[in-house]
Amino acid sequence: MTERSTGYRGLARGLAVAGLLGAALAAMTGCAAHVNTIYYGTPTALPQANCGEIGTHELSGATRLFRVDAGALSCFATAARLCQGASIAVTEMGTDTGTKYVFAIEPGKAPCQATEWSQGYSANFGGSQQFKVVVTQCSAAAKPDGVLLGCGGQDILIPVTVANP
């Protein structure tokens, strides 16, 4: 009976240690997944923009806007001029599809850096935003006509004024 009791105790200790190790591993994995989601992983949704939202039919080096939240352009331009953290949401609308973007100026010293998050959408068949979110590193420079972003080899202008479409 003593041998059997020691065997069960050994088994119980082994299971207890395995349980503690499993709990520690689960806690570390959960924590790592959370960090990866925020900083390194693939996001599933666009972040919230703190300067507001603008709308255009073509996002390019000569962007013309047709809709702007009050204060959005001056907020984003000021952030780019001072290399302070701020972000703006942009909806590029086509006939039945488009792309939603968030551009964020990273706080720091000149030359300013920015991040672009983009996600396609479709108005077909009831609408869908189940497209992958793409993240791109960008440069950012305040210019007289707006904020010029260099993202993935493309120049993108976030103008400081609204033009008639």
N, C-alpha and C. Protein backbone atom coordinates (compact mmCIF):
# COMPACT_ATOMS: atom_id res chain seq x y z
N MET A 1 0.82 -1.18 0.00
CA MET A 1 0.00 0.00 0.00
C MET A 1 0.87 1.24 0.00
N THR A 2 2.01 1.22 0.68
CA THR A 2 2.88 2.37 0.73
C THR A 2 3.43 2.68 -0.66
N GLU A 3 3.81 1.65 -1.41
CA GLU A 3 4.33 1.88 -2.75
C GLU A 3 3.28 2.53 -3.64
N ARG A 4 2.08 2.02 -3.52
CA ARG A 4 1.01 2.56 -4.34
C ARG A 4 0.73 4.02 -3.97
N SER A 5 0.74 4.33 -2.70
CA SER A 5 0.50 5.69 -2.24
C SER A 5 1.58 6.63 -2.78
N THR A 6 2.85 6.20 -2.74
CA THR A 6 3.93 7.02 -3.27
C THR A 6 3.76 7.19 -4.77
N GLY A 7 3.31 6.17 -5.45
CA GLY A 7 3.08 6.26 -6.88
C GLY A 7 2.01 7.29 -7.21
N TYR A 8 0.92 7.25 -6.44
CA TYR A 8 -0.14 8.23 -6.68
C TYR A 8 0.32 9.64 -6.34
N ARG A 9 1.11 9.77 -5.25
CA ARG A 9 1.64 11.08 -4.89
C ARG A 9 2.56 11.60 -6.00
N GLY A 10 3.38 10.73 -6.50
CA GLY A 10 4.27 11.12 -7.59
C GLY A 10 3.48 11.54 -8.82
N LEU A 11 2.43 10.74 -9.10
CA LEU A 11 1.59 11.08 -10.23
C LEU A 11 0.88 12.42 -9.97
N ALA A 12 0.37 12.59 -8.76
CA ALA A 12 -0.33 13.84 -8.41
C ALA A 12 0.62 15.02 -8.51
N ARG A 13 1.87 14.86 -8.01
CA ARG A 13 2.85 15.95 -8.12
C ARG A 13 3.15 16.25 -9.59
N GLY A 14 3.31 15.21 -10.38
CA GLY A 14 3.58 15.39 -11.81
C GLY A 14 2.45 16.13 -12.50
N LEU A 15 1.21 15.73 -12.17
CA LEU A 15 0.06 16.41 -12.76
C LEU A 15 -0.03 17.85 -12.29
N ALA A 16 0.27 18.09 -11.02
CA ALA A 16 0.23 19.45 -10.49
C ALA A 16 1.27 20.32 -11.20
N VAL A 17 2.48 19.79 -11.36
CA VAL A 17 3.53 20.54 -12.04
C VAL A 17 3.13 20.77 -13.50
N ALA A 18 2.60 19.74 -14.14
CA ALA A 18 2.17 19.89 -15.53
C ALA A 18 1.05 20.93 -15.64
N GLY A 19 0.15 20.93 -14.68
CA GLY A 19 -0.93 21.91 -14.67
C GLY A 19 -0.41 23.32 -14.50
N LEU A 20 0.55 23.50 -13.58
CA LEU A 20 1.15 24.82 -13.38
C LEU A 20 1.89 25.28 -14.62
N LEU A 21 2.65 24.37 -15.23
CA LEU A 21 3.37 24.71 -16.45
C LEU A 21 2.39 25.05 -17.57
N GLY A 22 1.31 24.28 -17.67
CA GLY A 22 0.29 24.56 -18.69
C GLY A 22 -0.36 25.91 -18.47
N ALA A 23 -0.67 26.22 -17.20
CA ALA A 23 -1.28 27.52 -16.90
C ALA A 23 -0.31 28.65 -17.22
N ALA A 24 0.96 28.47 -16.88
CA ALA A 24 1.97 29.49 -17.17
C ALA A 24 2.11 29.67 -18.69
N LEU A 25 2.14 28.56 -19.41
CA LEU A 25 2.25 28.63 -20.86
C LEU A 25 1.02 29.31 -21.46
N ALA A 26 -0.16 28.99 -20.97
CA ALA A 26 -1.37 29.63 -21.47
C ALA A 26 -1.36 31.12 -21.19
N ALA A 27 -0.91 31.50 -20.00
CA ALA A 27 -0.85 32.93 -19.65
C ALA A 27 0.14 33.65 -20.55
N MET A 28 1.31 33.03 -20.77
CA MET A 28 2.32 33.66 -21.62
C MET A 28 1.84 33.73 -23.07
N THR A 29 1.20 32.70 -23.55
CA THR A 29 0.70 32.69 -24.91
C THR A 29 -0.39 33.74 -25.08
N GLY A 30 -1.29 33.84 -24.14
CA GLY A 30 -2.34 34.84 -24.20
C GLY A 30 -1.76 36.23 -24.20
N CYS A 31 -0.76 36.46 -23.38
CA CYS A 31 -0.12 37.77 -23.31
C CYS A 31 0.60 38.07 -24.62
N ALA A 32 1.33 37.08 -25.13
CA ALA A 32 2.07 37.29 -26.37
C ALA A 32 1.11 37.54 -27.53
N ALA A 33 -0.01 36.84 -27.56
CA ALA A 33 -0.96 37.05 -28.64
C ALA A 33 -1.51 38.47 -28.57
N HIS A 34 -1.74 38.97 -27.35
CA HIS A 34 -2.26 40.32 -27.19
C HIS A 34 -1.23 41.34 -27.70
N VAL A 35 0.01 41.17 -27.35
CA VAL A 35 1.06 42.08 -27.80
C VAL A 35 1.19 42.00 -29.32
N ASN A 36 1.17 40.78 -29.87
CA ASN A 36 1.29 40.64 -31.31
C ASN A 36 0.13 41.30 -32.05
N THR A 37 -1.05 41.21 -31.50
CA THR A 37 -2.20 41.82 -32.14
C THR A 37 -2.03 43.33 -32.21
N ILE A 38 -1.50 43.91 -31.17
CA ILE A 38 -1.35 45.36 -31.13
C ILE A 38 -0.18 45.83 -31.99
N TYR A 39 0.96 45.19 -31.87
CA TYR A 39 2.16 45.72 -32.49
C TYR A 39 2.64 44.97 -33.73
N TYR A 40 2.55 43.66 -33.73
CA TYR A 40 3.24 42.91 -34.77
C TYR A 40 2.32 42.03 -35.62
N GLY A 41 1.16 41.72 -35.14
CA GLY A 41 0.29 40.80 -35.85
C GLY A 41 -0.49 41.48 -36.96
N THR A 42 -1.31 40.72 -37.61
CA THR A 42 -2.17 41.25 -38.65
C THR A 42 -3.46 41.73 -38.01
N PRO A 43 -3.76 43.03 -38.09
CA PRO A 43 -5.00 43.52 -37.48
C PRO A 43 -6.20 43.03 -38.28
N THR A 44 -7.34 42.94 -37.62
CA THR A 44 -8.56 42.52 -38.29
C THR A 44 -9.51 43.69 -38.53
N ALA A 45 -9.19 44.84 -38.00
CA ALA A 45 -10.00 46.04 -38.19
C ALA A 45 -9.10 47.26 -38.20
N LEU A 46 -9.58 48.33 -38.79
CA LEU A 46 -8.81 49.57 -38.81
C LEU A 46 -8.87 50.24 -37.45
N PRO A 47 -7.79 50.92 -37.05
CA PRO A 47 -7.83 51.65 -35.79
C PRO A 47 -8.72 52.88 -35.90
N GLN A 48 -9.15 53.41 -34.78
CA GLN A 48 -9.96 54.63 -34.73
C GLN A 48 -9.05 55.83 -34.98
N ALA A 49 -9.47 56.73 -35.85
CA ALA A 49 -8.69 57.93 -36.16
C ALA A 49 -9.09 59.05 -35.21
N ASN A 50 -8.10 59.75 -34.64
CA ASN A 50 -8.42 60.79 -33.66
C ASN A 50 -8.60 62.19 -34.27
N CYS A 51 -8.26 62.40 -35.55
CA CYS A 51 -8.49 63.70 -36.18
C CYS A 51 -9.83 63.77 -36.92
N GLY A 52 -10.40 62.65 -37.23
CA GLY A 52 -11.66 62.63 -37.97
C GLY A 52 -11.53 61.88 -39.27
N GLU A 53 -12.53 62.08 -40.16
CA GLU A 53 -12.59 61.32 -41.41
C GLU A 53 -12.79 62.26 -42.59
N ILE A 54 -12.23 61.84 -43.74
CA ILE A 54 -12.39 62.57 -44.99
C ILE A 54 -12.80 61.58 -46.07
N GLY A 55 -13.37 62.10 -47.18
CA GLY A 55 -13.79 61.25 -48.28
C GLY A 55 -13.27 61.76 -49.61
N THR A 56 -12.91 60.81 -50.48
CA THR A 56 -12.39 61.14 -51.81
C THR A 56 -12.80 60.05 -52.79
N HIS A 57 -12.70 60.36 -54.07
CA HIS A 57 -12.92 59.34 -55.10
C HIS A 57 -11.59 58.79 -55.61
N GLU A 58 -10.48 59.49 -55.30
CA GLU A 58 -9.16 59.01 -55.73
C GLU A 58 -8.10 59.50 -54.75
N LEU A 59 -7.44 58.57 -54.12
CA LEU A 59 -6.35 58.89 -53.20
C LEU A 59 -5.05 58.80 -53.98
N SER A 60 -4.37 59.95 -54.14
CA SER A 60 -3.15 59.99 -54.95
C SER A 60 -2.32 61.19 -54.53
N GLY A 61 -1.35 61.53 -55.34
CA GLY A 61 -0.53 62.71 -55.09
C GLY A 61 -1.27 64.00 -55.39
N ALA A 62 -2.50 63.89 -55.93
CA ALA A 62 -3.32 65.06 -56.24
C ALA A 62 -4.75 64.85 -55.71
N THR A 63 -4.86 64.30 -54.53
CA THR A 63 -6.16 63.98 -53.94
C THR A 63 -7.07 65.20 -53.87
N ARG A 64 -8.32 65.00 -54.26
CA ARG A 64 -9.37 66.02 -54.10
C ARG A 64 -10.42 65.42 -53.18
N LEU A 65 -10.83 66.20 -52.21
CA LEU A 65 -11.78 65.72 -51.21
C LEU A 65 -13.18 66.22 -51.50
N PHE A 66 -14.19 65.39 -51.17
CA PHE A 66 -15.57 65.84 -51.30
C PHE A 66 -16.28 65.87 -49.95
N ARG A 67 -15.66 65.30 -48.92
CA ARG A 67 -16.26 65.32 -47.58
C ARG A 67 -15.17 65.37 -46.54
N VAL A 68 -15.36 66.23 -45.51
CA VAL A 68 -14.35 66.39 -44.47
C VAL A 68 -15.03 66.65 -43.13
N ASP A 69 -14.64 65.91 -42.11
CA ASP A 69 -15.09 66.23 -40.76
C ASP A 69 -14.46 67.55 -40.33
N ALA A 70 -15.20 68.34 -39.59
CA ALA A 70 -14.69 69.63 -39.11
C ALA A 70 -13.39 69.44 -38.33
N GLY A 71 -12.38 70.19 -38.70
CA GLY A 71 -11.11 70.17 -37.99
C GLY A 71 -10.17 69.04 -38.36
N ALA A 72 -10.62 68.08 -39.18
CA ALA A 72 -9.79 66.91 -39.50
C ALA A 72 -8.51 67.28 -40.23
N LEU A 73 -8.61 68.15 -41.23
CA LEU A 73 -7.43 68.49 -42.03
C LEU A 73 -6.41 69.30 -41.24
N SER A 74 -6.86 70.27 -40.46
CA SER A 74 -5.91 71.07 -39.68
C SER A 74 -5.28 70.23 -38.58
N CYS A 75 -6.03 69.32 -37.98
CA CYS A 75 -5.50 68.42 -36.95
C CYS A 75 -4.35 67.58 -37.52
N PHE A 76 -4.59 66.97 -38.70
CA PHE A 76 -3.59 66.08 -39.29
C PHE A 76 -2.39 66.87 -39.80
N ALA A 77 -2.62 68.02 -40.41
CA ALA A 77 -1.53 68.86 -40.93
C ALA A 77 -0.64 69.36 -39.79
N THR A 78 -1.24 69.75 -38.69
CA THR A 78 -0.47 70.23 -37.53
C THR A 78 0.39 69.10 -36.98
N ALA A 79 -0.17 67.91 -36.89
CA ALA A 79 0.59 66.76 -36.39
C ALA A 79 1.79 66.47 -37.29
N ALA A 80 1.58 66.54 -38.61
CA ALA A 80 2.69 66.28 -39.54
C ALA A 80 3.75 67.36 -39.44
N ARG A 81 3.34 68.61 -39.29
CA ARG A 81 4.29 69.72 -39.19
C ARG A 81 5.16 69.59 -37.94
N LEU A 82 4.57 69.10 -36.84
CA LEU A 82 5.28 69.00 -35.55
C LEU A 82 5.77 67.59 -35.23
N CYS A 83 5.54 66.63 -36.13
CA CYS A 83 5.85 65.21 -35.90
C CYS A 83 5.23 64.73 -34.58
N GLN A 84 3.98 65.06 -34.40
CA GLN A 84 3.23 64.61 -33.22
C GLN A 84 2.25 63.53 -33.63
N GLY A 85 1.92 62.67 -32.70
CA GLY A 85 1.01 61.57 -32.99
C GLY A 85 -0.41 62.05 -33.27
N ALA A 86 -0.96 61.64 -34.41
CA ALA A 86 -2.35 61.92 -34.78
C ALA A 86 -2.70 61.03 -35.97
N SER A 87 -4.00 60.81 -36.17
CA SER A 87 -4.41 59.94 -37.28
C SER A 87 -5.67 60.48 -37.94
N ILE A 88 -5.83 60.12 -39.21
CA ILE A 88 -7.00 60.55 -39.98
C ILE A 88 -7.52 59.34 -40.77
N ALA A 89 -8.84 59.21 -40.84
CA ALA A 89 -9.48 58.15 -41.61
C ALA A 89 -9.84 58.70 -42.98
N VAL A 90 -9.62 57.89 -44.02
CA VAL A 90 -9.92 58.29 -45.38
C VAL A 90 -10.76 57.18 -46.03
N THR A 91 -11.88 57.56 -46.62
CA THR A 91 -12.67 56.61 -47.40
C THR A 91 -12.52 56.99 -48.86
N GLU A 92 -11.98 56.05 -49.65
CA GLU A 92 -11.84 56.22 -51.09
C GLU A 92 -12.98 55.44 -51.73
N MET A 93 -13.93 56.17 -52.30
CA MET A 93 -15.16 55.55 -52.80
C MET A 93 -15.14 55.40 -54.31
N GLY A 94 -15.47 54.19 -54.75
CA GLY A 94 -15.71 53.94 -56.16
C GLY A 94 -17.20 53.78 -56.37
N THR A 95 -17.60 53.18 -57.47
CA THR A 95 -19.02 52.98 -57.76
C THR A 95 -19.65 52.01 -56.78
N ASP A 96 -19.06 50.84 -56.61
CA ASP A 96 -19.62 49.86 -55.69
C ASP A 96 -18.56 49.19 -54.81
N THR A 97 -17.34 49.64 -54.92
CA THR A 97 -16.27 49.15 -54.05
C THR A 97 -15.39 50.34 -53.66
N GLY A 98 -14.54 50.12 -52.71
CA GLY A 98 -13.63 51.17 -52.30
C GLY A 98 -12.65 50.67 -51.27
N THR A 99 -11.93 51.59 -50.68
CA THR A 99 -10.95 51.26 -49.67
C THR A 99 -11.06 52.26 -48.54
N LYS A 100 -11.00 51.75 -47.33
CA LYS A 100 -10.94 52.61 -46.15
C LYS A 100 -9.50 52.60 -45.65
N TYR A 101 -9.01 53.77 -45.27
CA TYR A 101 -7.64 53.93 -44.80
C TYR A 101 -7.65 54.64 -43.45
N VAL A 102 -6.60 54.39 -42.67
CA VAL A 102 -6.26 55.24 -41.54
C VAL A 102 -4.77 55.52 -41.68
N PHE A 103 -4.42 56.81 -41.69
CA PHE A 103 -3.02 57.23 -41.73
C PHE A 103 -2.69 57.84 -40.37
N ALA A 104 -1.60 57.37 -39.77
CA ALA A 104 -1.21 57.84 -38.44
C ALA A 104 0.20 58.39 -38.47
N ILE A 105 0.36 59.63 -38.05
CA ILE A 105 1.69 60.24 -37.90
C ILE A 105 2.27 59.67 -36.60
N GLU A 106 3.51 59.18 -36.67
CA GLU A 106 4.18 58.65 -35.48
C GLU A 106 4.91 59.79 -34.78
N PRO A 107 4.75 59.91 -33.47
CA PRO A 107 5.45 60.99 -32.77
C PRO A 107 6.96 60.77 -32.81
N GLY A 108 7.71 61.84 -32.97
CA GLY A 108 9.16 61.73 -33.00
C GLY A 108 9.78 62.95 -33.65
N LYS A 109 11.01 62.77 -34.09
CA LYS A 109 11.76 63.85 -34.72
C LYS A 109 11.64 63.76 -36.22
N ALA A 110 11.90 64.89 -36.89
CA ALA A 110 11.88 64.93 -38.36
C ALA A 110 13.03 64.09 -38.91
N PRO A 111 12.90 63.43 -40.03
CA PRO A 111 11.70 63.40 -40.85
C PRO A 111 10.61 62.52 -40.21
N CYS A 112 9.39 62.97 -40.32
CA CYS A 112 8.26 62.25 -39.71
C CYS A 112 8.02 60.91 -40.40
N GLN A 113 7.56 59.97 -39.62
CA GLN A 113 7.17 58.66 -40.12
C GLN A 113 5.68 58.50 -39.88
N ALA A 114 5.06 57.65 -40.66
CA ALA A 114 3.63 57.40 -40.51
C ALA A 114 3.35 55.93 -40.79
N THR A 115 2.16 55.51 -40.44
CA THR A 115 1.69 54.16 -40.73
C THR A 115 0.38 54.26 -41.47
N GLU A 116 0.22 53.42 -42.47
CA GLU A 116 -1.04 53.33 -43.23
C GLU A 116 -1.68 51.98 -42.95
N TRP A 117 -2.96 52.00 -42.56
CA TRP A 117 -3.76 50.79 -42.48
C TRP A 117 -4.80 50.92 -43.58
N SER A 118 -5.04 49.87 -44.35
CA SER A 118 -6.05 49.94 -45.40
C SER A 118 -6.87 48.65 -45.43
N GLN A 119 -8.14 48.80 -45.82
CA GLN A 119 -9.04 47.65 -45.91
C GLN A 119 -10.07 47.93 -47.00
N GLY A 120 -10.18 47.02 -47.95
CA GLY A 120 -11.16 47.16 -49.02
C GLY A 120 -12.56 46.89 -48.50
N TYR A 121 -13.54 47.40 -49.24
CA TYR A 121 -14.93 47.10 -48.92
C TYR A 121 -15.72 47.01 -50.22
N SER A 122 -16.88 46.39 -50.15
CA SER A 122 -17.76 46.26 -51.30
C SER A 122 -19.18 46.57 -50.89
N ALA A 123 -19.90 47.27 -51.75
CA ALA A 123 -21.31 47.56 -51.51
C ALA A 123 -22.19 46.49 -52.16
N ASN A 124 -21.59 45.56 -52.88
CA ASN A 124 -22.34 44.51 -53.56
C ASN A 124 -22.87 43.47 -52.57
N PHE A 125 -24.01 42.91 -52.88
CA PHE A 125 -24.61 41.83 -52.11
C PHE A 125 -24.75 42.16 -50.63
N GLY A 126 -25.22 43.35 -50.34
CA GLY A 126 -25.45 43.75 -48.96
C GLY A 126 -24.23 44.36 -48.29
N GLY A 127 -23.13 44.47 -48.97
CA GLY A 127 -21.94 45.11 -48.41
C GLY A 127 -21.06 44.13 -47.66
N SER A 128 -19.78 44.39 -47.71
CA SER A 128 -18.83 43.52 -47.03
C SER A 128 -17.57 44.30 -46.70
N GLN A 129 -17.05 44.05 -45.50
CA GLN A 129 -15.74 44.57 -45.12
C GLN A 129 -14.87 43.43 -44.62
N GLN A 130 -15.07 42.26 -45.16
CA GLN A 130 -14.33 41.09 -44.73
C GLN A 130 -13.01 40.95 -45.48
N PHE A 131 -12.42 42.07 -45.85
CA PHE A 131 -11.15 42.06 -46.55
C PHE A 131 -10.01 42.19 -45.54
N LYS A 132 -8.86 41.70 -45.92
CA LYS A 132 -7.68 41.76 -45.06
C LYS A 132 -7.24 43.22 -44.84
N VAL A 133 -6.80 43.52 -43.60
CA VAL A 133 -6.23 44.82 -43.30
C VAL A 133 -4.74 44.77 -43.64
N VAL A 134 -4.28 45.74 -44.43
CA VAL A 134 -2.88 45.81 -44.84
C VAL A 134 -2.24 46.98 -44.11
N VAL A 135 -1.02 46.76 -43.60
CA VAL A 135 -0.29 47.80 -42.86
C VAL A 135 0.98 48.13 -43.63
N THR A 136 1.22 49.43 -43.86
CA THR A 136 2.38 49.88 -44.61
C THR A 136 3.06 51.02 -43.85
N GLN A 137 4.38 51.02 -43.81
CA GLN A 137 5.14 52.12 -43.22
C GLN A 137 5.30 53.22 -44.26
N CYS A 138 5.22 54.46 -43.82
CA CYS A 138 5.25 55.61 -44.73
C CYS A 138 6.15 56.72 -44.19
N SER A 139 6.53 57.61 -45.08
CA SER A 139 7.15 58.87 -44.68
C SER A 139 6.04 59.91 -44.67
N ALA A 140 6.23 60.99 -43.95
CA ALA A 140 5.22 62.05 -43.89
C ALA A 140 5.92 63.40 -43.86
N ALA A 141 5.43 64.33 -44.69
CA ALA A 141 6.01 65.67 -44.74
C ALA A 141 4.89 66.70 -44.90
N ALA A 142 4.95 67.74 -44.07
CA ALA A 142 3.98 68.84 -44.18
C ALA A 142 4.42 69.73 -45.32
N LYS A 143 3.51 69.97 -46.26
CA LYS A 143 3.75 70.83 -47.42
C LYS A 143 2.71 71.94 -47.40
N PRO A 144 2.91 73.00 -48.18
CA PRO A 144 1.92 74.09 -48.19
C PRO A 144 0.52 73.64 -48.60
N ASP A 145 0.42 72.64 -49.50
CA ASP A 145 -0.89 72.20 -49.96
C ASP A 145 -1.46 71.02 -49.18
N GLY A 146 -0.72 70.51 -48.18
CA GLY A 146 -1.22 69.41 -47.36
C GLY A 146 -0.12 68.53 -46.83
N VAL A 147 -0.48 67.36 -46.41
CA VAL A 147 0.49 66.38 -45.89
C VAL A 147 0.79 65.39 -47.01
N LEU A 148 2.07 65.28 -47.36
CA LEU A 148 2.49 64.35 -48.40
C LEU A 148 3.02 63.10 -47.73
N LEU A 149 2.36 61.98 -48.01
CA LEU A 149 2.75 60.69 -47.46
C LEU A 149 3.41 59.87 -48.57
N GLY A 150 4.47 59.19 -48.24
CA GLY A 150 5.11 58.27 -49.17
C GLY A 150 4.91 56.87 -48.64
N CYS A 151 3.98 56.14 -49.24
CA CYS A 151 3.60 54.81 -48.74
C CYS A 151 3.73 53.78 -49.85
N GLY A 152 4.60 52.80 -49.65
CA GLY A 152 4.73 51.72 -50.62
C GLY A 152 5.08 52.20 -52.02
N GLY A 153 5.92 53.23 -52.12
CA GLY A 153 6.33 53.73 -53.43
C GLY A 153 5.32 54.67 -54.08
N GLN A 154 4.25 55.02 -53.38
CA GLN A 154 3.23 55.91 -53.94
C GLN A 154 3.15 57.19 -53.11
N ASP A 155 3.05 58.33 -53.78
CA ASP A 155 2.83 59.60 -53.09
C ASP A 155 1.34 59.79 -52.88
N ILE A 156 0.97 60.14 -51.67
CA ILE A 156 -0.43 60.37 -51.30
C ILE A 156 -0.51 61.73 -50.64
N LEU A 157 -1.37 62.59 -51.18
CA LEU A 157 -1.56 63.92 -50.61
C LEU A 157 -2.86 63.94 -49.81
N ILE A 158 -2.75 64.37 -48.56
CA ILE A 158 -3.93 64.69 -47.76
C ILE A 158 -3.99 66.21 -47.78
N PRO A 159 -4.84 66.78 -48.64
CA PRO A 159 -4.83 68.24 -48.82
C PRO A 159 -5.33 68.99 -47.60
N VAL A 160 -5.03 70.28 -47.55
CA VAL A 160 -5.48 71.10 -46.42
C VAL A 160 -6.81 71.80 -46.72
N THR A 161 -7.30 71.67 -47.96
CA THR A 161 -8.57 72.29 -48.32
C THR A 161 -9.44 71.29 -49.07
N VAL A 162 -10.73 71.56 -49.13
CA VAL A 162 -11.68 70.73 -49.85
C VAL A 162 -11.91 71.33 -51.24
N ALA A 163 -11.77 70.53 -52.27
CA ALA A 163 -12.04 70.98 -53.63
C ALA A 163 -13.42 70.48 -54.04
N ASN A 164 -14.08 71.20 -54.91
CA ASN A 164 -15.35 70.72 -55.44
C ASN A 164 -15.10 69.51 -56.30
N PRO A 165 -15.88 68.43 -56.10
CA PRO A 165 -15.64 67.20 -56.90
C PRO A 165 -15.94 67.37 -58.37
